[in-house]
Each structure stands twice: as structure tokens, then as C-alpha cells.
Amino acid sequence: MHISVLEKETLEKLNPQANENFIDATIGHAGHTLRILEKTGPNGKVLGIDQTPEQIETVQARTADFKERVITVCDNFSNLKNIVEQKQFGPVNGIIFDLGFSSWHVDESGKGFTFQKDEPLLMNYGPDGLTAEEIVNQWTEEDLEMIFNQYGQEGFSKKIAKQIVAMRQARSITTTFQLVEAIKKAVPGRYQHGKTHFATRAFQALRIAVNQELENLKKALPQAVDILAPGGRLAVISFHSLEDRIVKVFLKESSDKKVLKILTKKPIAPGPSEIGANPRARSAKLRAAQKI
């Protein structure tokens, strides 16, 4: 079961009240949405967005008791304004982005999000589109090096890219274990026995590239501010420094323009008890702001 990260802290920053409307831009398994619905009765609504059809089905089942108050859309949050217009949803009193990919993607999707299972090398959140297999087998060595370096902050980007290109000349790399094999051959032995698995950064980089995660976040944040009603609140939970920097810079620029008031001087991180119960929460950071 997917466990929502920083649930209590997020609800405090969003401060949902009776009959207010919220957008959960990454609804996942509806953890945050269910807490918001409990606070916004009897007539407050949640517009929930997710790219994955299976996630939308799960949400509809989990929110059955609130079904008149939940609107679900299978789409990318980079289309936020269009979605809101199409659904004629408003006024919007709060928006949450929980940027972590759901445990379902790792545990059940079979799409190669984890290096711990031998699965097809897909990594796409939606039902179609670009795949990690295409990137690994078709992109140039220079492009591979770039994404491993920029999106994964991988110190051995050049060697990993070179090894992938060498391996794919003999056979296409189509599974996660084949990719792990290539990475293992490229990195030094000491790197293979560190605290973090040696394939972590490369897998992160591919997932970000496949789903254009950083570009979509940059597109969505200004739309979110435009959509919010005056006094409305924005909460963003990020899981790596690249996402957090985008959010931090956007909030600072919006604050300088007197568009947003920042509610978190420093990002809020999970405490030891939450990390103990949910190790995947360890890198989470929450930032929040209020529309002026």
C-alpha cells in the first residue's frame, strides 16, 4: 500500500475548510485527497489528476464514499489549466503536488521502475509514449551521458553511457537486469558496495527523461498559481534536489513579485518515526505558499 508522505504537515499548510475545493495534481492512491475530503464536507470537492489509468481506477474505488465530491482525470498535470477549464472546476482554494512516484509503480506496474526486479525497460507513467528502452537503445552516447549527469547527478555518467552503447551493439538492452549489468560493468568495484545501490542514479535519470518530469513541473507551477483563488494555498512535496530547486526558485521569484507568500522558510522534512515507518519518505521535502 502506498503511504502518503508528510500527510499531517501538508494538511496543516493547506488548511482545508468546510466546502472548499482542492486539486490533487498527483492523486496516486488518494491518501492526501481522502484527508482533504474529510475536512471539506459537506460540499467541498477535489479534482484529482494522474497519468496512470490504474491509479485512477484505484482512486475511484478508495473515494467511493465521497464519489459526488471527487472528479478524476487521467492526464498530465502540465495541462492543469486546460483540465480545470474543461471540468469548470472552481474556485480553487488549494493545490497539492506530491512529486514522488507511487509505490504501485515499483511494486505492481511491471514497467521497470526498480532495478531489483527483472522487468521490461519502460518507466512511462502513462499507457504510451517514450520508453526507457528507446532512450537506452536509440539515443546517442552524448545524450545518454547528459541525462545521467543532469538528471541523475551520476559521477560515472560518461563511462555508463559508453558501456551501454558498447553493449547495445551486440544486442538490444530491453530489461532492467540487462541495464543493471551494463551499469555494473561501467562503475568501479568500490561504488558497487556503497550505501546507495550503484544503479539508483541512472534509473532516476531515465525515469525523469522518459516522463519529462522537470519540464512538466516547470510548466505546471505557474498554471497552479494562476488557477488559485486569492488566499489559496499551494503545497509541493519533492523527492530529489532537482525538483526541490525548481520549486524553491519558483516560490522565491513569485514571492519577490508579491504574487505568493511563502509559508515554509525552510522545507519541511519527515521525522525519524515517519522515515522508520516509510523509508521511501526519507528524501521528501515540503514547501508551501499562499496566493496574495
C-alpha atoms as a PDB file:
ATOM      1  CA  MET A   1       0.000   0.000   0.000  1.00  0.00           C
ATOM      2  CA  HIS A   2       1.272   3.457  -0.913  1.00  0.00           C
ATOM      3  CA  ILE A   3       1.758   5.623   2.185  1.00  0.00           C
ATOM      4  CA  SER A   4       1.263   9.361   1.782  1.00  0.00           C
ATOM      5  CA  VAL A   5       4.323  11.326   2.818  1.00  0.00           C
ATOM      6  CA  LEU A   6       4.189  14.288   5.235  1.00  0.00           C
ATOM      7  CA  GLU A   7       0.413  13.928   5.400  1.00  0.00           C
ATOM      8  CA  LYS A   8      -0.119  15.833   8.679  1.00  0.00           C
ATOM      9  CA  GLU A   9       2.260  18.645   7.735  1.00  0.00           C
ATOM     10  CA  THR A  10       0.736  19.024   4.273  1.00  0.00           C
ATOM     11  CA  LEU A  11      -2.791  19.276   5.692  1.00  0.00           C
ATOM     12  CA  GLU A  12      -1.615  21.933   8.130  1.00  0.00           C
ATOM     13  CA  LYS A  13      -0.185  24.054   5.321  1.00  0.00           C
ATOM     14  CA  LEU A  14      -3.182  23.581   3.002  1.00  0.00           C
ATOM     15  CA  ASN A  15      -5.567  24.238   5.910  1.00  0.00           C
ATOM     16  CA  PRO A  16      -8.716  22.864   4.192  1.00  0.00           C
ATOM     17  CA  GLN A  17     -12.020  24.245   5.469  1.00  0.00           C
ATOM     18  CA  ALA A  18     -15.662  23.249   5.016  1.00  0.00           C
ATOM     19  CA  ASN A  19     -16.904  23.437   1.416  1.00  0.00           C
ATOM     20  CA  GLU A  20     -13.559  24.455  -0.092  1.00  0.00           C
ATOM     21  CA  ASN A  21     -12.287  22.981  -3.370  1.00  0.00           C
ATOM     22  CA  PHE A  22      -8.840  21.467  -3.899  1.00  0.00           C
ATOM     23  CA  ILE A  23      -6.769  19.991  -6.693  1.00  0.00           C
ATOM     24  CA  ASP A  24      -4.613  16.936  -6.074  1.00  0.00           C
ATOM     25  CA  ALA A  25      -2.365  17.164  -9.137  1.00  0.00           C
ATOM     26  CA  THR A  26      -0.758  13.770  -8.431  1.00  0.00           C
ATOM     27  CA  ILE A  27      -3.593  11.874  -6.795  1.00  0.00           C
ATOM     28  CA  GLY A  28      -1.896   8.447  -6.772  1.00  0.00           C
ATOM     29  CA  HIS A  29      -3.738   6.321  -4.197  1.00  0.00           C
ATOM     30  CA  ALA A  30      -5.727   9.298  -2.879  1.00  0.00           C
ATOM     31  CA  GLY A  31      -4.032   9.469   0.522  1.00  0.00           C
ATOM     32  CA  HIS A  32      -3.911  13.262   0.675  1.00  0.00           C
ATOM     33  CA  THR A  33      -7.261  13.541  -1.110  1.00  0.00           C
ATOM     34  CA  LEU A  34      -9.094  11.459   1.480  1.00  0.00           C
ATOM     35  CA  ARG A  35      -7.806  13.673   4.308  1.00  0.00           C
ATOM     36  CA  ILE A  36      -8.847  16.804   2.393  1.00  0.00           C
ATOM     37  CA  LEU A  37     -12.335  15.387   1.735  1.00  0.00           C
ATOM     38  CA  GLU A  38     -12.779  14.703   5.448  1.00  0.00           C
ATOM     39  CA  LYS A  39     -12.065  18.373   6.187  1.00  0.00           C
ATOM     40  CA  THR A  40     -14.074  19.983   3.366  1.00  0.00           C
ATOM     41  CA  GLY A  41     -17.504  18.447   3.803  1.00  0.00           C
ATOM     42  CA  PRO A  42     -20.303  18.620   3.106  1.00  0.00           C
ATOM     43  CA  ASN A  43     -19.817  20.171  -0.335  1.00  0.00           C
ATOM     44  CA  GLY A  44     -16.087  20.698  -0.907  1.00  0.00           C
ATOM     45  CA  LYS A  45     -14.704  18.912  -3.967  1.00  0.00           C
ATOM     46  CA  VAL A  46     -11.357  17.516  -5.083  1.00  0.00           C
ATOM     47  CA  LEU A  47     -10.175  17.402  -8.678  1.00  0.00           C
ATOM     48  CA  GLY A  48      -7.691  14.535  -8.851  1.00  0.00           C
ATOM     49  CA  ILE A  49      -5.207  14.147 -11.700  1.00  0.00           C
ATOM     50  CA  ASP A  50      -2.950  11.204 -12.503  1.00  0.00           C
ATOM     51  CA  GLN A  51      -1.248   9.946 -15.664  1.00  0.00           C
ATOM     52  CA  THR A  52      -1.769   6.268 -14.870  1.00  0.00           C
ATOM     53  CA  PRO A  53      -5.172   4.683 -15.681  1.00  0.00           C
ATOM     54  CA  GLU A  54      -4.723   2.024 -12.977  1.00  0.00           C
ATOM     55  CA  GLN A  55      -4.190   4.737 -10.375  1.00  0.00           C
ATOM     56  CA  ILE A  56      -7.405   6.477 -11.429  1.00  0.00           C
ATOM     57  CA  GLU A  57      -9.315   3.192 -11.003  1.00  0.00           C
ATOM     58  CA  THR A  58      -7.832   2.801  -7.509  1.00  0.00           C
ATOM     59  CA  VAL A  59      -8.812   6.365  -6.599  1.00  0.00           C
ATOM     60  CA  GLN A  60     -12.387   5.820  -7.728  1.00  0.00           C
ATOM     61  CA  ALA A  61     -12.619   2.733  -5.520  1.00  0.00           C
ATOM     62  CA  ARG A  62     -10.957   4.356  -2.490  1.00  0.00           C
ATOM     63  CA  THR A  63     -13.097   7.502  -2.670  1.00  0.00           C
ATOM     64  CA  ALA A  64     -16.404   5.719  -3.308  1.00  0.00           C
ATOM     65  CA  ASP A  65     -17.919   7.194  -0.135  1.00  0.00           C
ATOM     66  CA  PHE A  66     -17.224  10.693  -1.492  1.00  0.00           C
ATOM     67  CA  LYS A  67     -17.946   9.992  -5.159  1.00  0.00           C
ATOM     68  CA  GLU A  68     -20.081  13.114  -5.830  1.00  0.00           C
ATOM     69  CA  ARG A  69     -17.234  15.203  -4.430  1.00  0.00           C
ATOM     70  CA  VAL A  70     -14.352  13.688  -6.414  1.00  0.00           C
ATOM     71  CA  ILE A  71     -13.597  14.387 -10.073  1.00  0.00           C
ATOM     72  CA  THR A  72     -10.813  12.269 -11.582  1.00  0.00           C
ATOM     73  CA  VAL A  73      -8.879  12.962 -14.763  1.00  0.00           C
ATOM     74  CA  CYS A  74      -6.245  10.742 -16.404  1.00  0.00           C
ATOM     75  CA  ASP A  75      -3.822  13.342 -17.727  1.00  0.00           C
ATOM     76  CA  ASN A  76      -0.530  15.097 -17.049  1.00  0.00           C
ATOM     77  CA  PHE A  77      -0.544  17.986 -14.585  1.00  0.00           C
ATOM     78  CA  SER A  78       1.322  20.066 -17.160  1.00  0.00           C
ATOM     79  CA  ASN A  79      -2.152  20.504 -18.720  1.00  0.00           C
ATOM     80  CA  LEU A  80      -3.561  21.855 -15.445  1.00  0.00           C
ATOM     81  CA  LYS A  81      -5.282  24.960 -16.797  1.00  0.00           C
ATOM     82  CA  ASN A  82      -6.987  23.093 -19.642  1.00  0.00           C
ATOM     83  CA  ILE A  83      -8.199  20.393 -17.240  1.00  0.00           C
ATOM     84  CA  VAL A  84      -9.681  22.973 -14.857  1.00  0.00           C
ATOM     85  CA  GLU A  85     -11.384  24.789 -17.731  1.00  0.00           C
ATOM     86  CA  GLN A  86     -12.788  21.584 -19.218  1.00  0.00           C
ATOM     87  CA  LYS A  87     -14.165  20.466 -15.854  1.00  0.00           C
ATOM     88  CA  GLN A  88     -15.322  24.004 -14.960  1.00  0.00           C
ATOM     89  CA  PHE A  89     -13.756  23.423 -11.562  1.00  0.00           C
ATOM     90  CA  GLY A  90     -13.539  26.235  -9.067  1.00  0.00           C
ATOM     91  CA  PRO A  91     -12.979  28.298  -7.107  1.00  0.00           C
ATOM     92  CA  VAL A  92      -9.711  26.550  -6.217  1.00  0.00           C
ATOM     93  CA  ASN A  93      -8.696  27.012  -2.587  1.00  0.00           C
ATOM     94  CA  GLY A  94      -5.640  24.775  -2.628  1.00  0.00           C
ATOM     95  CA  ILE A  95      -3.404  22.628  -4.842  1.00  0.00           C
ATOM     96  CA  ILE A  96      -1.046  19.827  -3.857  1.00  0.00           C
ATOM     97  CA  PHE A  97       1.742  18.273  -5.939  1.00  0.00           C
ATOM     98  CA  ASP A  98       3.191  15.110  -4.391  1.00  0.00           C
ATOM     99  CA  LEU A  99       6.001  14.508  -6.882  1.00  0.00           C
ATOM    100  CA  GLY A 100       7.057  11.086  -5.645  1.00  0.00           C
ATOM    101  CA  PHE A 101       6.093   8.216  -7.910  1.00  0.00           C
ATOM    102  CA  SER A 102       3.698   5.798  -6.252  1.00  0.00           C
ATOM    103  CA  SER A 103       4.803   2.563  -4.601  1.00  0.00           C
ATOM    104  CA  TRP A 104       2.409   0.895  -7.044  1.00  0.00           C
ATOM    105  CA  HIS A 105       4.765   1.743  -9.899  1.00  0.00           C
ATOM    106  CA  VAL A 106       7.582  -0.107  -8.159  1.00  0.00           C
ATOM    107  CA  ASP A 107       5.599  -2.970  -6.679  1.00  0.00           C
ATOM    108  CA  GLU A 108       2.973  -3.758  -9.292  1.00  0.00           C
ATOM    109  CA  SER A 109       3.280  -1.892 -12.588  1.00  0.00           C
ATOM    110  CA  GLY A 110       5.858  -4.223 -14.161  1.00  0.00           C
ATOM    111  CA  LYS A 111       7.302  -1.256 -16.040  1.00  0.00           C
ATOM    112  CA  GLY A 112      10.898  -1.369 -14.872  1.00  0.00           C
ATOM    113  CA  PHE A 113      10.885   1.406 -12.286  1.00  0.00           C
ATOM    114  CA  THR A 114      13.081  -0.683  -9.990  1.00  0.00           C
ATOM    115  CA  PHE A 115      16.461  -2.323 -10.562  1.00  0.00           C
ATOM    116  CA  GLN A 116      15.503  -5.011  -8.026  1.00  0.00           C
ATOM    117  CA  LYS A 117      13.182  -6.855 -10.433  1.00  0.00           C
ATOM    118  CA  ASP A 118      13.772  -8.090 -13.982  1.00  0.00           C
ATOM    119  CA  GLU A 119      11.118  -6.208 -15.953  1.00  0.00           C
ATOM    120  CA  PRO A 120      10.684  -4.600 -19.382  1.00  0.00           C
ATOM    121  CA  LEU A 121      12.542  -1.295 -19.613  1.00  0.00           C
ATOM    122  CA  LEU A 122       9.567   1.072 -19.926  1.00  0.00           C
ATOM    123  CA  MET A 123       9.334   3.551 -16.993  1.00  0.00           C
ATOM    124  CA  ASN A 124       6.499   5.585 -18.548  1.00  0.00           C
ATOM    125  CA  TYR A 125       3.689   6.635 -16.198  1.00  0.00           C
ATOM    126  CA  GLY A 126       1.068   6.761 -18.928  1.00  0.00           C
ATOM    127  CA  PRO A 127      -0.172   3.961 -21.175  1.00  0.00           C
ATOM    128  CA  ASP A 128       2.041   5.022 -24.094  1.00  0.00           C
ATOM    129  CA  GLY A 129       4.754   7.457 -25.105  1.00  0.00           C
ATOM    130  CA  LEU A 130       8.544   7.384 -24.881  1.00  0.00           C
ATOM    131  CA  THR A 131      10.131   4.445 -23.025  1.00  0.00           C
ATOM    132  CA  ALA A 132      13.448   3.879 -21.284  1.00  0.00           C
ATOM    133  CA  GLU A 133      14.187   1.113 -23.797  1.00  0.00           C
ATOM    134  CA  GLU A 134      14.009   3.634 -26.631  1.00  0.00           C
ATOM    135  CA  ILE A 135      16.342   6.023 -24.839  1.00  0.00           C
ATOM    136  CA  VAL A 136      18.867   3.335 -23.925  1.00  0.00           C
ATOM    137  CA  ASN A 137      18.970   1.803 -27.403  1.00  0.00           C
ATOM    138  CA  GLN A 138      18.478   4.805 -29.686  1.00  0.00           C
ATOM    139  CA  TRP A 139      19.874   7.932 -28.049  1.00  0.00           C
ATOM    140  CA  THR A 140      23.464   8.933 -28.731  1.00  0.00           C
ATOM    141  CA  GLU A 141      26.252   8.329 -26.262  1.00  0.00           C
ATOM    142  CA  GLU A 142      26.457  12.093 -25.683  1.00  0.00           C
ATOM    143  CA  ASP A 143      22.730  12.338 -24.915  1.00  0.00           C
ATOM    144  CA  LEU A 144      22.883   9.377 -22.547  1.00  0.00           C
ATOM    145  CA  GLU A 145      25.817  10.939 -20.725  1.00  0.00           C
ATOM    146  CA  MET A 146      23.894  14.204 -20.478  1.00  0.00           C
ATOM    147  CA  ILE A 147      20.776  12.711 -18.886  1.00  0.00           C
ATOM    148  CA  PHE A 148      22.763  10.562 -16.424  1.00  0.00           C
ATOM    149  CA  ASN A 149      24.771  13.634 -15.448  1.00  0.00           C
ATOM    150  CA  GLN A 150      21.975  16.220 -15.317  1.00  0.00           C
ATOM    151  CA  TYR A 151      19.021  14.134 -14.113  1.00  0.00           C
ATOM    152  CA  GLY A 152      20.872  11.557 -12.039  1.00  0.00           C
ATOM    153  CA  GLN A 153      23.864  13.609 -10.905  1.00  0.00           C
ATOM    154  CA  GLU A 154      25.798  10.439 -11.662  1.00  0.00           C
ATOM    155  CA  GLY A 155      29.585  10.715 -11.286  1.00  0.00           C
ATOM    156  CA  PHE A 156      30.224   7.931 -13.792  1.00  0.00           C
ATOM    157  CA  SER A 157      27.860   9.221 -16.491  1.00  0.00           C
ATOM    158  CA  LYS A 158      30.420   9.075 -19.274  1.00  0.00           C
ATOM    159  CA  LYS A 159      31.522   5.503 -18.506  1.00  0.00           C
ATOM    160  CA  ILE A 160      27.935   4.259 -18.136  1.00  0.00           C
ATOM    161  CA  ALA A 161      26.881   5.823 -21.445  1.00  0.00           C
ATOM    162  CA  LYS A 162      29.911   4.314 -23.199  1.00  0.00           C
ATOM    163  CA  GLN A 163      29.210   0.854 -21.760  1.00  0.00           C
ATOM    164  CA  ILE A 164      25.533   0.983 -22.791  1.00  0.00           C
ATOM    165  CA  VAL A 165      26.463   1.892 -26.360  1.00  0.00           C
ATOM    166  CA  ALA A 166      29.021  -0.935 -26.468  1.00  0.00           C
ATOM    167  CA  MET A 167      26.520  -3.492 -25.128  1.00  0.00           C
ATOM    168  CA  ARG A 168      23.659  -2.487 -27.405  1.00  0.00           C
ATOM    169  CA  GLN A 169      25.804  -3.076 -30.481  1.00  0.00           C
ATOM    170  CA  ALA A 170      25.719  -6.785 -29.647  1.00  0.00           C
ATOM    171  CA  ARG A 171      22.072  -6.912 -28.523  1.00  0.00           C
ATOM    172  CA  SER A 172      19.320  -4.501 -27.592  1.00  0.00           C
ATOM    173  CA  ILE A 173      19.005  -3.690 -23.890  1.00  0.00           C
ATOM    174  CA  THR A 174      15.366  -4.465 -23.144  1.00  0.00           C
ATOM    175  CA  THR A 175      15.168  -5.357 -19.444  1.00  0.00           C
ATOM    176  CA  THR A 176      16.123  -3.780 -16.137  1.00  0.00           C
ATOM    177  CA  PHE A 177      18.648  -6.502 -15.305  1.00  0.00           C
ATOM    178  CA  GLN A 178      20.417  -6.022 -18.656  1.00  0.00           C
ATOM    179  CA  LEU A 179      20.703  -2.321 -17.877  1.00  0.00           C
ATOM    180  CA  VAL A 180      21.981  -3.063 -14.344  1.00  0.00           C
ATOM    181  CA  GLU A 181      24.604  -5.346 -15.925  1.00  0.00           C
ATOM    182  CA  ALA A 182      25.789  -2.508 -18.162  1.00  0.00           C
ATOM    183  CA  ILE A 183      25.968  -0.067 -15.254  1.00  0.00           C
ATOM    184  CA  LYS A 184      27.843  -2.585 -13.102  1.00  0.00           C
ATOM    185  CA  LYS A 185      30.496  -3.055 -15.800  1.00  0.00           C
ATOM    186  CA  ALA A 186      30.953   0.709 -16.066  1.00  0.00           C
ATOM    187  CA  VAL A 187      31.433   1.668 -12.412  1.00  0.00           C
ATOM    188  CA  PRO A 188      34.350   0.791 -10.112  1.00  0.00           C
ATOM    189  CA  GLY A 189      34.037  -2.039  -7.601  1.00  0.00           C
ATOM    190  CA  ARG A 190      34.006   0.238  -4.562  1.00  0.00           C
ATOM    191  CA  TYR A 191      30.967   2.042  -5.999  1.00  0.00           C
ATOM    192  CA  GLN A 192      29.080  -1.258  -6.223  1.00  0.00           C
ATOM    193  CA  HIS A 193      29.052  -1.774  -2.469  1.00  0.00           C
ATOM    194  CA  GLY A 194      28.065   1.659  -1.209  1.00  0.00           C
ATOM    195  CA  LYS A 195      25.081   2.603   0.922  1.00  0.00           C
ATOM    196  CA  THR A 196      23.108   3.535  -2.204  1.00  0.00           C
ATOM    197  CA  HIS A 197      22.705   0.936  -4.948  1.00  0.00           C
ATOM    198  CA  PHE A 198      25.023   1.683  -7.861  1.00  0.00           C
ATOM    199  CA  ALA A 199      22.130   1.784 -10.365  1.00  0.00           C
ATOM    200  CA  THR A 200      19.964   4.241  -8.389  1.00  0.00           C
ATOM    201  CA  ARG A 201      21.069   7.450 -10.082  1.00  0.00           C
ATOM    202  CA  ALA A 202      20.961   6.077 -13.616  1.00  0.00           C
ATOM    203  CA  PHE A 203      17.455   4.674 -13.101  1.00  0.00           C
ATOM    204  CA  GLN A 204      16.298   8.006 -11.647  1.00  0.00           C
ATOM    205  CA  ALA A 205      17.728   9.839 -14.642  1.00  0.00           C
ATOM    206  CA  LEU A 206      15.962   7.586 -17.138  1.00  0.00           C
ATOM    207  CA  ARG A 207      12.622   7.888 -15.325  1.00  0.00           C
ATOM    208  CA  ILE A 208      12.882  11.675 -15.311  1.00  0.00           C
ATOM    209  CA  ALA A 209      13.820  11.761 -19.001  1.00  0.00           C
ATOM    210  CA  VAL A 210      11.057   9.356 -20.054  1.00  0.00           C
ATOM    211  CA  ASN A 211       8.345  11.324 -18.283  1.00  0.00           C
ATOM    212  CA  GLN A 212       9.826  14.824 -18.779  1.00  0.00           C
ATOM    213  CA  GLU A 213       9.293  15.324 -15.061  1.00  0.00           C
ATOM    214  CA  LEU A 214      11.277  18.521 -14.584  1.00  0.00           C
ATOM    215  CA  GLU A 215       9.910  20.203 -17.711  1.00  0.00           C
ATOM    216  CA  ASN A 216       6.330  19.352 -16.717  1.00  0.00           C
ATOM    217  CA  LEU A 217       6.859  20.719 -13.204  1.00  0.00           C
ATOM    218  CA  LYS A 218       8.167  23.997 -14.633  1.00  0.00           C
ATOM    219  CA  LYS A 219       5.059  24.228 -16.833  1.00  0.00           C
ATOM    220  CA  ALA A 220       2.612  23.359 -14.061  1.00  0.00           C
ATOM    221  CA  LEU A 221       3.682  25.660 -11.219  1.00  0.00           C
ATOM    222  CA  PRO A 222       2.774  28.974 -12.934  1.00  0.00           C
ATOM    223  CA  GLN A 223      -0.563  27.455 -14.004  1.00  0.00           C
ATOM    224  CA  ALA A 224      -1.259  26.441 -10.409  1.00  0.00           C
ATOM    225  CA  VAL A 225      -0.738  29.994  -9.168  1.00  0.00           C
ATOM    226  CA  ASP A 226      -2.995  31.404 -11.898  1.00  0.00           C
ATOM    227  CA  ILE A 227      -5.742  28.926 -11.004  1.00  0.00           C
ATOM    228  CA  LEU A 228      -5.640  29.521  -7.235  1.00  0.00           C
ATOM    229  CA  ALA A 229      -8.207  31.866  -5.721  1.00  0.00           C
ATOM    230  CA  PRO A 230      -6.784  34.753  -3.649  1.00  0.00           C
ATOM    231  CA  GLY A 231      -5.753  33.304  -0.292  1.00  0.00           C
ATOM    232  CA  GLY A 232      -5.493  29.833  -1.856  1.00  0.00           C
ATOM    233  CA  ARG A 233      -2.577  27.621  -0.864  1.00  0.00           C
ATOM    234  CA  LEU A 234      -0.010  25.625  -2.814  1.00  0.00           C
ATOM    235  CA  ALA A 235       1.894  22.662  -1.340  1.00  0.00           C
ATOM    236  CA  VAL A 236       4.640  20.773  -3.171  1.00  0.00           C
ATOM    237  CA  ILE A 237       6.392  17.646  -1.927  1.00  0.00           C
ATOM    238  CA  SER A 238       9.606  16.896  -3.817  1.00  0.00           C
ATOM    239  CA  PHE A 239      11.919  13.907  -3.546  1.00  0.00           C
ATOM    240  CA  HIS A 240      15.247  14.972  -5.015  1.00  0.00           C
ATOM    241  CA  SER A 241      17.305  18.130  -5.239  1.00  0.00           C
ATOM    242  CA  LEU A 242      16.480  18.822  -8.891  1.00  0.00           C
ATOM    243  CA  GLU A 243      12.747  19.056  -8.173  1.00  0.00           C
ATOM    244  CA  ASP A 244      13.244  20.927  -4.928  1.00  0.00           C
ATOM    245  CA  ARG A 245      15.412  23.562  -6.606  1.00  0.00           C
ATOM    246  CA  ILE A 246      12.736  24.223  -9.251  1.00  0.00           C
ATOM    247  CA  VAL A 247      10.100  24.661  -6.529  1.00  0.00           C
ATOM    248  CA  LYS A 248      12.374  26.799  -4.331  1.00  0.00           C
ATOM    249  CA  VAL A 249      13.308  29.160  -7.184  1.00  0.00           C
ATOM    250  CA  PHE A 250       9.705  29.441  -8.392  1.00  0.00           C
ATOM    251  CA  LEU A 251       8.378  30.289  -4.930  1.00  0.00           C
ATOM    252  CA  LYS A 252      11.161  32.832  -4.353  1.00  0.00           C
ATOM    253  CA  GLU A 253      10.502  34.561  -7.699  1.00  0.00           C
ATOM    254  CA  SER A 254       6.738  34.576  -7.058  1.00  0.00           C
ATOM    255  CA  SER A 255       7.326  35.999  -3.579  1.00  0.00           C
ATOM    256  CA  ASP A 256       9.547  38.741  -4.994  1.00  0.00           C
ATOM    257  CA  LYS A 257       6.726  39.639  -7.399  1.00  0.00           C
ATOM    258  CA  LYS A 258       4.275  39.791  -4.468  1.00  0.00           C
ATOM    259  CA  VAL A 259       2.200  37.000  -6.014  1.00  0.00           C
ATOM    260  CA  LEU A 260       2.838  34.401  -3.302  1.00  0.00           C
ATOM    261  CA  LYS A 261       3.625  34.490   0.393  1.00  0.00           C
ATOM    262  CA  ILE A 262       5.992  31.655   1.319  1.00  0.00           C
ATOM    263  CA  LEU A 263       4.719  29.609   4.289  1.00  0.00           C
ATOM    264  CA  THR A 264       7.828  27.447   4.750  1.00  0.00           C
ATOM    265  CA  LYS A 265      11.035  29.381   5.479  1.00  0.00           C
ATOM    266  CA  LYS A 266      12.839  26.063   5.188  1.00  0.00           C
ATOM    267  CA  PRO A 267      11.487  22.894   3.573  1.00  0.00           C
ATOM    268  CA  ILE A 268       9.720  20.541   5.982  1.00  0.00           C
ATOM    269  CA  ALA A 269      11.232  17.047   6.135  1.00  0.00           C
ATOM    270  CA  PRO A 270       9.841  13.836   7.662  1.00  0.00           C
ATOM    271  CA  GLY A 271      10.787  12.977  11.211  1.00  0.00           C
ATOM    272  CA  PRO A 272      12.527   9.762  12.317  1.00  0.00           C
ATOM    273  CA  SER A 273       9.242   7.986  13.133  1.00  0.00           C
ATOM    274  CA  GLU A 274       7.812   8.591   9.656  1.00  0.00           C
ATOM    275  CA  ILE A 275      11.048   7.506   7.973  1.00  0.00           C
ATOM    276  CA  GLY A 276      11.062   4.392  10.154  1.00  0.00           C
ATOM    277  CA  ALA A 277       7.519   3.520   9.088  1.00  0.00           C
ATOM    278  CA  ASN A 278       8.063   4.502   5.443  1.00  0.00           C
ATOM    279  CA  PRO A 279      11.742   4.512   4.325  1.00  0.00           C
ATOM    280  CA  ARG A 280      10.741   5.920   0.924  1.00  0.00           C
ATOM    281  CA  ALA A 281       9.867   9.169   2.713  1.00  0.00           C
ATOM    282  CA  ARG A 282      13.454   9.878   3.755  1.00  0.00           C
ATOM    283  CA  SER A 283      14.244  12.327   0.922  1.00  0.00           C
ATOM    284  CA  ALA A 284      10.895  14.176   0.924  1.00  0.00           C
ATOM    285  CA  LYS A 285      10.741  17.964   1.287  1.00  0.00           C
ATOM    286  CA  LEU A 286       7.569  20.012   1.616  1.00  0.00           C
ATOM    287  CA  ARG A 287       7.365  23.651   0.540  1.00  0.00           C
ATOM    288  CA  ALA A 288       4.172  25.712   0.690  1.00  0.00           C
ATOM    289  CA  ALA A 289       2.928  29.163  -0.200  1.00  0.00           C
ATOM    290  CA  GLN A 290      -0.266  31.236  -0.188  1.00  0.00           C
ATOM    291  CA  LYS A 291      -1.579  33.353  -3.052  1.00  0.00           C
ATOM    292  CA  ILE A 292      -1.713  37.037  -2.140  1.00  0.00           C
END
